[in-house]
Amino acid sequence: EQFLKDRGLGVLGLSKGGEAYSFPIAFAYDDTERRCVFRFIMGKDSTKRRFVSETEVASLTAYEWRTKDEWKSVVARGQIRPIPEEDLA
């Protein structure tokens, strides 16, 4: 959890009908709710929008690389759900 809290950048993997789509994304880790929070900025016809709505289980990889022998990563998996307006503050 602390690693996710410290990172703030990662790669989000989505899937739709057997096709994968991944992209770099900024996130915040909410340790109270034990969740990663994303802010998606996407157009009406964006690929992200299509994949987000179809993905059952997403995968977020956060990593730190210093040298070929000194690195670490965390992979978090789960559903992507909207946060209700009243909870955004």
Protein backbone atom coordinates (compact mmCIF):
# COMPACT_ATOMS: atom_id res chain seq x y z
CA GLU A 1 0.00 0.00 0.00
CA GLN A 2 2.77 2.44 0.82
CA PHE A 3 4.47 1.74 -2.51
CA LEU A 4 1.25 2.63 -4.37
CA LYS A 5 0.81 5.71 -2.20
CA ASP A 6 4.35 6.89 -2.99
CA ARG A 7 4.28 6.24 -6.76
CA GLY A 8 1.37 8.10 -8.36
CA LEU A 9 2.25 6.89 -11.88
CA GLY A 10 1.70 3.53 -13.48
CA VAL A 11 0.38 1.61 -16.44
CA LEU A 12 -3.31 0.68 -16.51
CA GLY A 13 -4.28 -2.45 -18.43
CA LEU A 14 -7.82 -2.93 -19.70
CA SER A 15 -9.42 -5.63 -21.84
CA LYS A 16 -12.41 -5.98 -24.10
CA GLY A 17 -13.48 -9.08 -25.99
CA GLY A 18 -10.06 -10.74 -25.81
CA GLU A 19 -8.20 -7.56 -26.82
CA ALA A 20 -5.85 -5.76 -24.41
CA TYR A 21 -5.22 -2.02 -24.12
CA SER A 22 -2.78 -0.38 -21.72
CA PHE A 23 -1.60 3.19 -21.20
CA PRO A 24 0.36 5.28 -18.67
CA ILE A 25 -1.79 6.99 -16.07
CA ALA A 26 -1.48 9.10 -12.93
CA PHE A 27 -3.33 7.86 -9.87
CA ALA A 28 -3.73 8.48 -6.15
CA TYR A 29 -3.93 5.76 -3.55
CA ASP A 30 -6.76 6.18 -1.03
CA ASP A 31 -5.67 4.18 1.99
CA THR A 32 -8.95 4.77 3.83
CA GLU A 33 -10.94 2.95 1.14
CA ARG A 34 -7.94 0.84 -0.03
CA ARG A 35 -8.38 1.85 -3.66
CA CYS A 36 -6.55 3.56 -6.49
CA VAL A 37 -8.28 6.66 -7.82
CA PHE A 38 -7.96 7.67 -11.48
CA ARG A 39 -9.15 10.73 -13.32
CA PHE A 40 -9.93 9.77 -16.87
CA ILE A 41 -9.75 12.50 -19.48
CA MET A 42 -11.17 11.15 -22.69
CA GLY A 43 -13.12 12.24 -25.70
CA LYS A 44 -16.52 10.97 -26.69
CA ASP A 45 -15.09 8.40 -29.14
CA SER A 46 -11.90 7.54 -27.25
CA THR A 47 -10.43 4.04 -27.12
CA LYS A 48 -10.10 4.41 -23.33
CA ARG A 49 -13.82 5.02 -22.98
CA ARG A 50 -14.67 1.87 -24.94
CA PHE A 51 -12.26 -0.29 -22.95
CA VAL A 52 -13.14 1.14 -19.52
CA SER A 53 -16.81 0.38 -20.02
CA GLU A 54 -16.11 -3.23 -21.10
CA THR A 55 -13.32 -4.21 -18.67
CA GLU A 56 -14.37 -6.57 -15.91
CA VAL A 57 -10.99 -6.65 -14.10
CA ALA A 58 -8.36 -3.96 -14.69
CA SER A 59 -4.68 -4.24 -13.86
CA LEU A 60 -2.52 -1.36 -12.61
CA THR A 61 1.26 -1.77 -12.59
CA ALA A 62 3.29 0.74 -10.58
CA TYR A 63 7.05 0.36 -10.68
CA GLU A 64 10.38 1.83 -9.72
CA TRP A 65 13.52 1.06 -11.69
CA ARG A 66 16.99 2.10 -10.55
CA THR A 67 19.28 -0.46 -12.22
CA LYS A 68 18.86 -3.85 -13.90
CA ASP A 69 19.32 -5.46 -10.48
CA GLU A 70 17.51 -2.89 -8.35
CA TRP A 71 13.83 -2.50 -9.14
CA LYS A 72 10.42 -3.29 -7.71
CA SER A 73 6.82 -3.28 -8.85
CA VAL A 74 3.30 -3.77 -7.58
CA VAL A 75 0.41 -5.06 -9.65
CA ALA A 76 -3.07 -4.22 -8.37
CA ARG A 77 -6.16 -5.78 -9.92
CA GLY A 78 -9.81 -4.91 -9.56
CA GLN A 79 -12.91 -3.36 -10.98
CA ILE A 80 -13.12 0.20 -12.24
CA ARG A 81 -16.12 1.98 -10.77
CA PRO A 82 -17.12 5.64 -10.87
CA ILE A 83 -16.93 7.58 -7.62
CA PRO A 84 -20.25 9.24 -6.77
CA GLU A 85 -20.23 13.05 -7.13
CA GLU A 86 -20.85 13.54 -3.40
CA ASP A 87 -17.69 11.53 -2.56
CA LEU A 88 -15.33 13.47 -4.85
CA ALA A 89 -14.42 16.11 -2.28
